[in-house]
């Protein structure tokens, strides 16, 4: 049996395509994060459009904060913006088997890390008792670079309200992350004492 060949793709000509704003880039990267190496350009465009596509809803992609960000544009117009992101090295295409999938480029990942860190920071800031354990589970599966950035941000926040959450999170983390959590707690305690 012959091996099936990779499905080819062709980027749009982006001549005349306006450069997306910083907010646009952030939202595109946020939506892309949901489908890295499991979805392609069309799926990303559908998330940004706010499509009711069955596949999207099955994967609960309507819960993505960037879902429907470009609701006023067509999928074709959104795909052209995504192609601008690929050509300008914020996103890339890699094959998962036969299919071309969206992945972060180095530049895109560097841009997105601080966005993701900010989102997690706000989630912790607003977490309730009922959602705390779910958020902690999410954090244990989060990229280590992002976790370190998050803990630095928390440690320098002067908000001692974080200590309770950090103490709970520490009970389920690996040793290296526990050390960083301890560092953040220590910073918060030092900041708290220096206020007096």
N, C-alpha and C. Protein backbone atom coordinates (compact mmCIF):
# COMPACT_ATOMS: atom_id res chain seq x y z
N UNK A 1 0.84 -1.19 0.00
CA UNK A 1 0.00 0.00 0.00
C UNK A 1 0.88 1.24 0.00
N UNK A 2 0.61 2.18 -0.90
CA UNK A 2 1.47 3.36 -0.99
C UNK A 2 1.12 4.38 0.10
N UNK A 3 2.16 5.09 0.51
CA UNK A 3 2.00 6.11 1.54
C UNK A 3 1.30 7.32 0.93
N UNK A 4 0.26 7.82 1.61
CA UNK A 4 -0.48 8.96 1.08
C UNK A 4 0.37 10.22 1.22
N UNK A 5 0.32 11.07 0.18
CA UNK A 5 1.15 12.28 0.19
C UNK A 5 0.51 13.38 1.04
N UNK A 6 1.35 14.31 1.44
CA UNK A 6 0.89 15.42 2.28
C UNK A 6 -0.07 16.31 1.49
N UNK A 7 -1.07 16.82 2.18
CA UNK A 7 -2.04 17.71 1.56
C UNK A 7 -1.35 19.07 1.37
N UNK A 8 -1.27 19.54 0.12
CA UNK A 8 -0.59 20.82 -0.11
C UNK A 8 -1.46 22.00 0.35
N UNK A 9 -0.80 23.11 0.60
CA UNK A 9 -1.54 24.34 0.93
C UNK A 9 -0.87 25.49 0.21
N UNK A 10 -1.63 26.53 -0.03
CA UNK A 10 -1.05 27.72 -0.67
C UNK A 10 -1.56 28.95 0.07
N UNK A 11 -0.63 29.80 0.48
CA UNK A 11 -1.01 31.02 1.18
C UNK A 11 -1.56 32.03 0.18
N UNK A 12 -2.44 32.88 0.67
CA UNK A 12 -2.99 33.96 -0.16
C UNK A 12 -1.91 34.99 -0.47
N UNK A 13 -2.11 35.69 -1.57
CA UNK A 13 -1.27 36.85 -1.86
C UNK A 13 -1.72 37.95 -0.89
N UNK A 14 -0.81 38.45 -0.08
CA UNK A 14 -1.22 39.44 0.94
C UNK A 14 -0.93 40.88 0.51
N UNK A 15 -0.66 41.06 -0.78
CA UNK A 15 -0.43 42.42 -1.29
C UNK A 15 -1.67 43.26 -0.99
N UNK A 16 -1.47 44.40 -0.38
CA UNK A 16 -2.59 45.29 -0.05
C UNK A 16 -3.25 44.95 1.29
N UNK A 17 -2.83 43.85 1.92
CA UNK A 17 -3.39 43.47 3.22
C UNK A 17 -2.83 44.39 4.30
N UNK A 18 -3.73 45.05 5.02
CA UNK A 18 -3.27 45.94 6.08
C UNK A 18 -2.64 45.14 7.22
N UNK A 19 -1.62 45.72 7.84
CA UNK A 19 -0.98 45.08 8.98
C UNK A 19 -1.97 45.05 10.14
N UNK A 20 -2.16 43.90 10.77
CA UNK A 20 -3.08 43.83 11.91
C UNK A 20 -2.56 44.69 13.07
N UNK A 21 -3.47 45.19 13.88
CA UNK A 21 -3.09 45.96 15.06
C UNK A 21 -2.50 45.01 16.11
N UNK A 22 -1.92 45.58 17.16
CA UNK A 22 -1.38 44.76 18.25
C UNK A 22 -2.49 43.92 18.88
N UNK A 23 -3.67 44.51 19.02
CA UNK A 23 -4.83 43.79 19.57
C UNK A 23 -5.24 42.63 18.65
N UNK A 24 -5.22 42.89 17.33
CA UNK A 24 -5.54 41.84 16.36
C UNK A 24 -4.55 40.68 16.49
N UNK A 25 -3.27 41.01 16.52
CA UNK A 25 -2.22 39.98 16.61
C UNK A 25 -2.40 39.15 17.87
N UNK A 26 -2.65 39.83 18.99
CA UNK A 26 -2.86 39.14 20.27
C UNK A 26 -4.03 38.17 20.18
N UNK A 27 -5.14 38.61 19.60
CA UNK A 27 -6.33 37.76 19.50
C UNK A 27 -6.14 36.60 18.54
N UNK A 28 -5.40 36.81 17.47
CA UNK A 28 -5.13 35.72 16.52
C UNK A 28 -4.25 34.67 17.20
N UNK A 29 -3.21 35.13 17.91
CA UNK A 29 -2.33 34.19 18.61
C UNK A 29 -3.09 33.45 19.71
N UNK A 30 -4.01 34.14 20.39
CA UNK A 30 -4.80 33.50 21.45
C UNK A 30 -5.67 32.39 20.87
N UNK A 31 -6.29 32.68 19.73
CA UNK A 31 -7.14 31.67 19.09
C UNK A 31 -6.28 30.51 18.57
N UNK A 32 -5.11 30.84 18.02
CA UNK A 32 -4.21 29.81 17.49
C UNK A 32 -3.77 28.85 18.59
N UNK A 33 -3.59 29.37 19.80
CA UNK A 33 -3.12 28.53 20.91
C UNK A 33 -4.06 27.35 21.16
N UNK A 34 -5.33 27.52 20.86
CA UNK A 34 -6.32 26.46 21.08
C UNK A 34 -6.14 25.27 20.14
N UNK A 35 -5.48 25.51 18.99
CA UNK A 35 -5.42 24.45 17.97
C UNK A 35 -4.01 24.15 17.48
N UNK A 36 -2.99 24.57 18.24
CA UNK A 36 -1.61 24.34 17.81
C UNK A 36 -1.39 22.86 17.51
N UNK A 37 -0.94 22.59 16.29
CA UNK A 37 -0.60 21.26 15.77
C UNK A 37 -1.79 20.29 15.69
N UNK A 38 -3.02 20.82 15.89
CA UNK A 38 -4.20 19.96 15.71
C UNK A 38 -5.22 20.56 14.74
N UNK A 39 -5.00 21.82 14.35
CA UNK A 39 -5.94 22.46 13.43
C UNK A 39 -5.18 23.33 12.44
N UNK A 40 -5.83 23.62 11.32
CA UNK A 40 -5.19 24.40 10.27
C UNK A 40 -5.74 25.82 10.16
N UNK A 41 -5.40 26.46 9.04
CA UNK A 41 -5.78 27.85 8.80
C UNK A 41 -7.29 28.03 8.80
N UNK A 42 -8.01 27.09 8.20
CA UNK A 42 -9.47 27.23 8.11
C UNK A 42 -10.10 27.17 9.49
N UNK A 43 -9.64 26.23 10.32
CA UNK A 43 -10.21 26.12 11.66
C UNK A 43 -9.92 27.39 12.46
N UNK A 44 -8.71 27.93 12.33
CA UNK A 44 -8.36 29.17 13.03
C UNK A 44 -9.26 30.32 12.56
N UNK A 45 -9.48 30.40 11.26
CA UNK A 45 -10.36 31.44 10.71
C UNK A 45 -11.78 31.30 11.25
N UNK A 46 -12.25 30.06 11.37
CA UNK A 46 -13.61 29.82 11.88
C UNK A 46 -13.74 30.20 13.36
N UNK A 47 -12.70 29.97 14.15
CA UNK A 47 -12.74 30.40 15.56
C UNK A 47 -12.86 31.92 15.62
N UNK A 48 -12.02 32.60 14.84
CA UNK A 48 -12.02 34.07 14.85
C UNK A 48 -13.31 34.64 14.27
N UNK A 49 -13.94 33.91 13.37
CA UNK A 49 -15.22 34.33 12.80
C UNK A 49 -16.36 34.14 13.80
N UNK A 50 -16.22 33.12 14.67
CA UNK A 50 -17.31 32.79 15.60
C UNK A 50 -18.26 31.80 14.96
N UNK A 51 -17.71 30.92 14.14
CA UNK A 51 -18.50 29.93 13.41
C UNK A 51 -19.20 28.95 14.37
N UNK A 52 -20.35 28.49 13.94
CA UNK A 52 -21.09 27.47 14.71
C UNK A 52 -20.80 26.07 14.15
N UNK A 53 -19.68 25.95 13.44
CA UNK A 53 -19.25 24.67 12.86
C UNK A 53 -19.26 23.58 13.94
N UNK A 54 -19.81 22.43 13.58
CA UNK A 54 -19.99 21.32 14.51
C UNK A 54 -18.65 20.90 15.15
N UNK A 55 -17.58 20.83 14.33
CA UNK A 55 -16.26 20.44 14.83
C UNK A 55 -15.77 21.40 15.92
N UNK A 56 -15.99 22.69 15.69
CA UNK A 56 -15.57 23.70 16.66
C UNK A 56 -16.32 23.54 17.98
N UNK A 57 -17.62 23.35 17.89
CA UNK A 57 -18.45 23.24 19.08
C UNK A 57 -18.15 21.95 19.84
N UNK A 58 -17.86 20.86 19.10
CA UNK A 58 -17.49 19.59 19.76
C UNK A 58 -16.23 19.75 20.60
N UNK A 59 -15.29 20.57 20.09
CA UNK A 59 -14.02 20.81 20.79
C UNK A 59 -14.13 21.98 21.79
N UNK A 60 -15.34 22.52 21.93
CA UNK A 60 -15.64 23.64 22.84
C UNK A 60 -14.78 24.88 22.54
N UNK A 61 -14.49 25.10 21.27
CA UNK A 61 -13.66 26.24 20.90
C UNK A 61 -14.41 27.57 20.99
N UNK A 62 -15.72 27.50 21.17
CA UNK A 62 -16.49 28.73 21.38
C UNK A 62 -16.17 29.36 22.73
N UNK A 63 -15.48 28.62 23.61
CA UNK A 63 -15.09 29.13 24.93
C UNK A 63 -13.79 29.94 24.86
N UNK A 64 -13.11 29.90 23.73
CA UNK A 64 -11.87 30.67 23.55
C UNK A 64 -12.20 32.16 23.65
N UNK A 65 -11.42 32.93 24.41
CA UNK A 65 -11.68 34.37 24.54
C UNK A 65 -11.68 35.12 23.21
N UNK A 66 -10.99 34.59 22.19
CA UNK A 66 -10.94 35.26 20.88
C UNK A 66 -11.99 34.76 19.90
N UNK A 67 -12.86 33.86 20.36
CA UNK A 67 -13.92 33.32 19.49
C UNK A 67 -14.82 34.48 19.05
N UNK A 68 -15.01 34.61 17.74
CA UNK A 68 -15.88 35.65 17.20
C UNK A 68 -15.24 37.03 17.13
N UNK A 69 -13.93 37.12 17.37
CA UNK A 69 -13.23 38.41 17.36
C UNK A 69 -13.44 39.14 16.03
N UNK A 70 -13.39 38.39 14.93
CA UNK A 70 -13.57 38.97 13.59
C UNK A 70 -14.95 38.61 13.04
N UNK A 71 -15.97 38.66 13.85
CA UNK A 71 -17.32 38.23 13.41
C UNK A 71 -17.83 38.99 12.20
N UNK A 72 -17.34 40.23 12.03
CA UNK A 72 -17.83 41.06 10.92
C UNK A 72 -17.15 40.74 9.59
N UNK A 73 -16.08 39.93 9.60
CA UNK A 73 -15.36 39.59 8.37
C UNK A 73 -15.78 38.22 7.85
N UNK A 74 -15.48 37.97 6.59
CA UNK A 74 -15.72 36.63 6.02
C UNK A 74 -14.56 35.72 6.40
N UNK A 75 -14.77 34.41 6.32
CA UNK A 75 -13.70 33.45 6.59
C UNK A 75 -12.53 33.69 5.63
N UNK A 76 -12.83 34.05 4.37
CA UNK A 76 -11.78 34.31 3.38
C UNK A 76 -10.94 35.52 3.79
N UNK A 77 -11.59 36.59 4.25
CA UNK A 77 -10.86 37.79 4.69
C UNK A 77 -9.99 37.48 5.92
N UNK A 78 -10.53 36.69 6.83
CA UNK A 78 -9.79 36.31 8.04
C UNK A 78 -8.59 35.45 7.66
N UNK A 79 -8.78 34.52 6.72
CA UNK A 79 -7.69 33.64 6.28
C UNK A 79 -6.55 34.47 5.70
N UNK A 80 -6.88 35.55 5.00
CA UNK A 80 -5.85 36.43 4.44
C UNK A 80 -5.03 37.09 5.56
N UNK A 81 -5.70 37.46 6.64
CA UNK A 81 -4.99 38.05 7.80
C UNK A 81 -4.10 36.99 8.46
N UNK A 82 -4.63 35.76 8.57
CA UNK A 82 -3.83 34.65 9.13
C UNK A 82 -2.59 34.43 8.27
N UNK A 83 -2.76 34.48 6.96
CA UNK A 83 -1.63 34.32 6.05
C UNK A 83 -0.61 35.44 6.23
N UNK A 84 -1.08 36.66 6.51
CA UNK A 84 -0.17 37.76 6.83
C UNK A 84 0.65 37.38 8.07
N UNK A 85 -0.01 36.78 9.06
CA UNK A 85 0.67 36.36 10.30
C UNK A 85 1.74 35.29 10.01
N UNK A 86 1.45 34.40 9.07
CA UNK A 86 2.41 33.35 8.70
C UNK A 86 3.59 33.95 7.95
N UNK A 87 3.30 34.77 6.95
CA UNK A 87 4.35 35.39 6.14
C UNK A 87 5.24 36.31 6.99
N UNK A 88 4.65 36.94 8.01
CA UNK A 88 5.41 37.85 8.87
C UNK A 88 5.92 37.17 10.15
N UNK A 89 5.94 35.84 10.11
CA UNK A 89 6.62 35.02 11.11
C UNK A 89 6.04 35.08 12.53
N UNK A 90 4.72 35.24 12.64
CA UNK A 90 4.06 35.09 13.95
C UNK A 90 3.53 33.66 14.11
N UNK A 91 3.14 33.08 12.99
CA UNK A 91 2.66 31.69 12.95
C UNK A 91 3.42 30.94 11.88
N UNK A 92 3.30 29.63 11.91
CA UNK A 92 3.95 28.81 10.91
C UNK A 92 3.03 27.63 10.60
N UNK A 93 3.39 26.87 9.60
CA UNK A 93 2.65 25.66 9.23
C UNK A 93 3.60 24.47 9.39
N UNK A 94 3.11 23.43 10.04
CA UNK A 94 3.87 22.19 10.15
C UNK A 94 2.90 21.04 9.88
N UNK A 95 3.44 19.94 9.40
CA UNK A 95 2.56 18.81 9.08
C UNK A 95 2.41 17.87 10.27
N UNK A 96 1.17 17.49 10.52
CA UNK A 96 0.85 16.44 11.48
C UNK A 96 0.31 15.30 10.63
N UNK A 97 1.17 14.36 10.29
CA UNK A 97 0.78 13.34 9.32
C UNK A 97 0.71 13.98 7.95
N UNK A 98 -0.44 13.88 7.31
CA UNK A 98 -0.63 14.43 5.97
C UNK A 98 -1.11 15.88 5.97
N UNK A 99 -1.61 16.35 7.12
CA UNK A 99 -2.32 17.64 7.14
C UNK A 99 -1.47 18.80 7.64
N UNK A 100 -1.59 19.96 6.97
CA UNK A 100 -0.86 21.15 7.41
C UNK A 100 -1.55 21.80 8.62
N UNK A 101 -0.81 21.96 9.70
CA UNK A 101 -1.37 22.49 10.95
C UNK A 101 -0.70 23.81 11.34
N UNK A 102 -1.45 24.61 12.05
CA UNK A 102 -0.93 25.88 12.58
C UNK A 102 -0.02 25.59 13.77
N UNK A 103 1.14 26.25 13.80
CA UNK A 103 2.04 26.20 14.95
C UNK A 103 2.57 27.62 15.20
N UNK A 104 3.07 27.86 16.40
CA UNK A 104 3.71 29.15 16.68
C UNK A 104 5.09 29.17 16.05
N UNK A 105 5.50 30.30 15.52
CA UNK A 105 6.90 30.51 15.17
C UNK A 105 7.59 30.97 16.45
N UNK A 106 8.91 31.07 16.43
CA UNK A 106 9.63 31.57 17.60
C UNK A 106 9.16 32.96 17.99
N UNK A 107 9.02 33.83 17.01
CA UNK A 107 8.57 35.21 17.25
C UNK A 107 7.15 35.23 17.80
N UNK A 108 6.29 34.38 17.24
CA UNK A 108 4.89 34.33 17.69
C UNK A 108 4.78 33.86 19.13
N UNK A 109 5.56 32.83 19.48
CA UNK A 109 5.54 32.30 20.84
C UNK A 109 6.05 33.36 21.83
N UNK A 110 7.13 34.06 21.47
CA UNK A 110 7.67 35.12 22.34
C UNK A 110 6.63 36.22 22.55
N UNK A 111 5.90 36.56 21.49
CA UNK A 111 4.86 37.58 21.58
C UNK A 111 3.70 37.10 22.44
N UNK A 112 3.34 35.84 22.27
CA UNK A 112 2.15 35.30 22.94
C UNK A 112 2.35 34.99 24.42
N UNK A 113 3.58 34.63 24.83
CA UNK A 113 3.83 34.21 26.21
C UNK A 113 3.32 35.23 27.23
N UNK A 114 3.60 36.51 26.99
CA UNK A 114 3.17 37.53 27.96
C UNK A 114 1.65 37.69 27.96
N UNK A 115 1.03 37.48 26.82
CA UNK A 115 -0.44 37.55 26.73
C UNK A 115 -1.05 36.43 27.57
N UNK A 116 -0.53 35.22 27.40
CA UNK A 116 -1.02 34.06 28.11
C UNK A 116 -0.77 34.20 29.62
N UNK A 117 0.40 34.73 29.95
CA UNK A 117 0.75 34.97 31.36
C UNK A 117 -0.27 35.92 31.99
N UNK A 118 -0.59 36.99 31.28
CA UNK A 118 -1.57 37.96 31.79
C UNK A 118 -2.95 37.35 31.97
N UNK A 119 -3.33 36.48 31.04
CA UNK A 119 -4.64 35.82 31.14
C UNK A 119 -4.70 34.90 32.37
N UNK A 120 -3.63 34.14 32.59
CA UNK A 120 -3.59 33.25 33.76
C UNK A 120 -3.55 34.04 35.06
N UNK A 121 -2.82 35.14 35.06
CA UNK A 121 -2.73 36.01 36.23
C UNK A 121 -4.14 36.49 36.62
N UNK A 122 -4.90 36.95 35.62
CA UNK A 122 -6.26 37.43 35.88
C UNK A 122 -7.19 36.31 36.34
N UNK A 123 -6.98 35.11 35.79
CA UNK A 123 -7.80 33.97 36.23
C UNK A 123 -7.56 33.68 37.71
N UNK A 124 -6.28 33.70 38.13
CA UNK A 124 -5.96 33.44 39.53
C UNK A 124 -6.53 34.55 40.41
N UNK A 125 -6.41 35.77 39.94
CA UNK A 125 -6.91 36.94 40.69
C UNK A 125 -8.41 36.82 40.96
N UNK A 126 -9.13 36.23 40.02
CA UNK A 126 -10.60 36.17 40.12
C UNK A 126 -11.13 34.77 40.43
N UNK A 127 -10.25 33.83 40.79
CA UNK A 127 -10.69 32.45 41.00
C UNK A 127 -11.56 32.34 42.26
N UNK A 128 -12.56 31.50 42.16
CA UNK A 128 -13.42 31.22 43.32
C UNK A 128 -13.08 29.84 43.87
N UNK A 129 -13.60 29.55 45.05
CA UNK A 129 -13.36 28.24 45.68
C UNK A 129 -13.82 27.09 44.77
N UNK A 130 -14.92 27.32 44.05
CA UNK A 130 -15.50 26.28 43.20
C UNK A 130 -14.68 25.99 41.94
N UNK A 131 -13.86 26.96 41.50
CA UNK A 131 -13.08 26.76 40.28
C UNK A 131 -11.58 26.65 40.54
N UNK A 132 -11.17 26.77 41.78
CA UNK A 132 -9.74 26.78 42.13
C UNK A 132 -9.02 25.50 41.68
N UNK A 133 -9.59 24.34 42.02
CA UNK A 133 -8.92 23.07 41.69
C UNK A 133 -8.78 22.86 40.18
N UNK A 134 -9.79 23.28 39.42
CA UNK A 134 -9.74 23.17 37.95
C UNK A 134 -8.62 24.05 37.40
N UNK A 135 -8.50 25.26 37.95
CA UNK A 135 -7.45 26.18 37.49
C UNK A 135 -6.07 25.64 37.85
N UNK A 136 -5.93 25.08 39.04
CA UNK A 136 -4.64 24.50 39.45
C UNK A 136 -4.26 23.36 38.51
N UNK A 137 -5.24 22.53 38.15
CA UNK A 137 -4.99 21.43 37.21
C UNK A 137 -4.52 21.97 35.86
N UNK A 138 -5.15 23.06 35.40
CA UNK A 138 -4.75 23.70 34.14
C UNK A 138 -3.30 24.19 34.23
N UNK A 139 -2.94 24.77 35.37
CA UNK A 139 -1.59 25.31 35.55
C UNK A 139 -0.53 24.21 35.55
N UNK A 140 -0.87 23.03 36.07
CA UNK A 140 0.10 21.93 36.09
C UNK A 140 0.41 21.42 34.68
N UNK A 141 -0.46 21.74 33.72
CA UNK A 141 -0.27 21.30 32.33
C UNK A 141 0.23 22.44 31.43
N UNK A 142 0.47 23.60 32.03
CA UNK A 142 0.85 24.79 31.26
C UNK A 142 2.36 24.82 31.02
N UNK A 143 2.74 25.38 29.89
CA UNK A 143 4.15 25.51 29.50
C UNK A 143 4.97 26.11 30.64
N UNK A 144 6.13 25.51 30.91
CA UNK A 144 6.97 25.91 32.05
C UNK A 144 7.46 27.36 31.94
N UNK A 145 7.80 27.82 30.73
CA UNK A 145 8.25 29.21 30.55
C UNK A 145 7.16 30.18 30.99
N UNK A 146 5.92 29.86 30.63
CA UNK A 146 4.79 30.72 31.00
C UNK A 146 4.60 30.71 32.51
N UNK A 147 4.73 29.54 33.13
CA UNK A 147 4.57 29.41 34.59
C UNK A 147 5.61 30.26 35.31
N UNK A 148 6.85 30.23 34.85
CA UNK A 148 7.91 31.03 35.49
C UNK A 148 7.59 32.51 35.36
N UNK A 149 7.16 32.95 34.17
CA UNK A 149 6.78 34.36 33.97
C UNK A 149 5.62 34.73 34.89
N UNK A 150 4.66 33.82 35.01
CA UNK A 150 3.48 34.04 35.85
C UNK A 150 3.89 34.21 37.32
N UNK A 151 4.76 33.34 37.79
CA UNK A 151 5.17 33.39 39.20
C UNK A 151 6.01 34.63 39.50
N UNK A 152 6.79 35.09 38.53
CA UNK A 152 7.54 36.35 38.70
C UNK A 152 6.56 37.51 38.81
N UNK A 153 5.55 37.51 37.94
CA UNK A 153 4.52 38.57 37.94
C UNK A 153 3.76 38.58 39.27
N UNK A 154 3.38 37.39 39.75
CA UNK A 154 2.66 37.28 41.02
C UNK A 154 3.56 37.74 42.17
N UNK A 155 4.82 37.28 42.17
CA UNK A 155 5.75 37.60 43.24
C UNK A 155 6.03 39.08 43.39
N UNK A 156 5.92 39.81 42.28
CA UNK A 156 6.18 41.26 42.34
C UNK A 156 4.90 42.09 42.38
N UNK A 157 3.77 41.43 42.57
CA UNK A 157 2.48 42.12 42.49
C UNK A 157 2.08 42.92 43.74
N UNK A 158 2.72 42.63 44.87
CA UNK A 158 2.38 43.25 46.17
C UNK A 158 1.00 42.82 46.66
N UNK A 159 0.42 41.79 46.05
CA UNK A 159 -0.91 41.33 46.43
C UNK A 159 -0.79 40.04 47.25
N UNK A 160 -0.83 40.18 48.58
CA UNK A 160 -0.66 39.00 49.44
C UNK A 160 -1.85 38.05 49.36
N UNK A 161 -2.92 38.49 48.71
CA UNK A 161 -4.08 37.63 48.50
C UNK A 161 -3.75 36.40 47.67
N UNK A 162 -2.64 36.45 46.92
CA UNK A 162 -2.21 35.32 46.09
C UNK A 162 -1.67 34.16 46.93
N UNK A 163 -1.20 34.45 48.15
CA UNK A 163 -0.48 33.44 48.93
C UNK A 163 -1.33 32.19 49.18
N UNK A 164 -2.58 32.37 49.47
CA UNK A 164 -3.47 31.22 49.73
C UNK A 164 -3.55 30.30 48.51
N UNK A 165 -3.73 30.91 47.34
CA UNK A 165 -3.80 30.12 46.11
C UNK A 165 -2.48 29.41 45.85
N UNK A 166 -1.37 30.15 46.00
CA UNK A 166 -0.05 29.57 45.75
C UNK A 166 0.23 28.38 46.67
N UNK A 167 -0.16 28.50 47.93
CA UNK A 167 0.05 27.43 48.91
C UNK A 167 -0.70 26.17 48.49
N UNK A 168 -1.91 26.34 47.99
CA UNK A 168 -2.72 25.20 47.52
C UNK A 168 -2.11 24.59 46.25
N UNK A 169 -1.69 25.45 45.33
CA UNK A 169 -1.09 25.02 44.06
C UNK A 169 0.17 24.21 44.33
N UNK A 170 0.95 24.67 45.29
CA UNK A 170 2.25 24.04 45.61
C UNK A 170 2.10 22.56 45.99
N UNK A 171 0.96 22.20 46.56
CA UNK A 171 0.76 20.82 47.03
C UNK A 171 0.70 19.79 45.91
N UNK A 172 0.46 20.24 44.67
CA UNK A 172 0.31 19.29 43.56
C UNK A 172 1.38 19.45 42.47
N UNK A 173 2.32 20.36 42.69
CA UNK A 173 3.31 20.64 41.64
C UNK A 173 4.58 19.82 41.78
N UNK A 174 5.35 19.78 40.69
CA UNK A 174 6.66 19.12 40.69
C UNK A 174 7.66 20.00 41.44
N UNK A 175 8.75 19.39 41.87
CA UNK A 175 9.72 20.06 42.75
C UNK A 175 10.23 21.40 42.20
N UNK A 176 10.60 21.44 40.91
CA UNK A 176 11.16 22.67 40.33
C UNK A 176 10.15 23.82 40.36
N UNK A 177 8.90 23.50 40.06
CA UNK A 177 7.86 24.55 40.09
C UNK A 177 7.58 24.95 41.53
N UNK A 178 7.60 23.99 42.46
CA UNK A 178 7.40 24.30 43.89
C UNK A 178 8.42 25.32 44.38
N UNK A 179 9.66 25.17 43.91
CA UNK A 179 10.70 26.13 44.30
C UNK A 179 10.34 27.54 43.82
N UNK A 180 9.84 27.64 42.60
CA UNK A 180 9.44 28.95 42.05
C UNK A 180 8.22 29.51 42.80
N UNK A 181 7.27 28.63 43.15
CA UNK A 181 6.09 29.06 43.93
C UNK A 181 6.55 29.58 45.29
N UNK A 182 7.46 28.85 45.93
CA UNK A 182 8.00 29.29 47.22
C UNK A 182 8.66 30.67 47.10
N UNK A 183 9.39 30.87 46.01
CA UNK A 183 10.04 32.16 45.76
C UNK A 183 9.02 33.29 45.66
N UNK A 184 7.91 33.02 44.95
CA UNK A 184 6.85 34.02 44.80
C UNK A 184 6.21 34.34 46.15
N UNK A 185 5.95 33.29 46.95
CA UNK A 185 5.35 33.48 48.28
C UNK A 185 6.30 34.32 49.15
N UNK A 186 7.58 33.98 49.13
CA UNK A 186 8.58 34.71 49.91
C UNK A 186 8.62 36.18 49.51
N UNK A 187 8.61 36.45 48.20
CA UNK A 187 8.59 37.84 47.71
C UNK A 187 7.38 38.59 48.22
N UNK A 188 6.22 37.93 48.16
CA UNK A 188 4.99 38.58 48.63
C UNK A 188 5.06 38.88 50.13
N UNK A 189 5.61 37.97 50.89
CA UNK A 189 5.74 38.17 52.35
C UNK A 189 6.72 39.30 52.65
N UNK A 190 7.82 39.36 51.87
CA UNK A 190 8.80 40.43 52.07
C UNK A 190 8.21 41.79 51.71
N UNK A 191 7.47 41.84 50.61
CA UNK A 191 6.82 43.08 50.18
C UNK A 191 5.83 43.51 51.28
N UNK A 192 5.08 42.55 51.81
CA UNK A 192 4.08 42.83 52.83
C UNK A 192 4.74 43.44 54.08
N UNK A 193 5.86 42.89 54.50
CA UNK A 193 6.57 43.39 55.70
C UNK A 193 7.19 44.76 55.44
N UNK A 194 7.63 45.00 54.21
CA UNK A 194 8.28 46.28 53.91
C UNK A 194 7.29 47.44 53.83
N UNK A 195 6.02 47.11 53.79
CA UNK A 195 4.98 48.17 53.72
C UNK A 195 4.83 48.87 55.07
N UNK A 196 5.28 48.22 56.13
CA UNK A 196 5.08 48.79 57.47
C UNK A 196 6.34 49.49 57.97
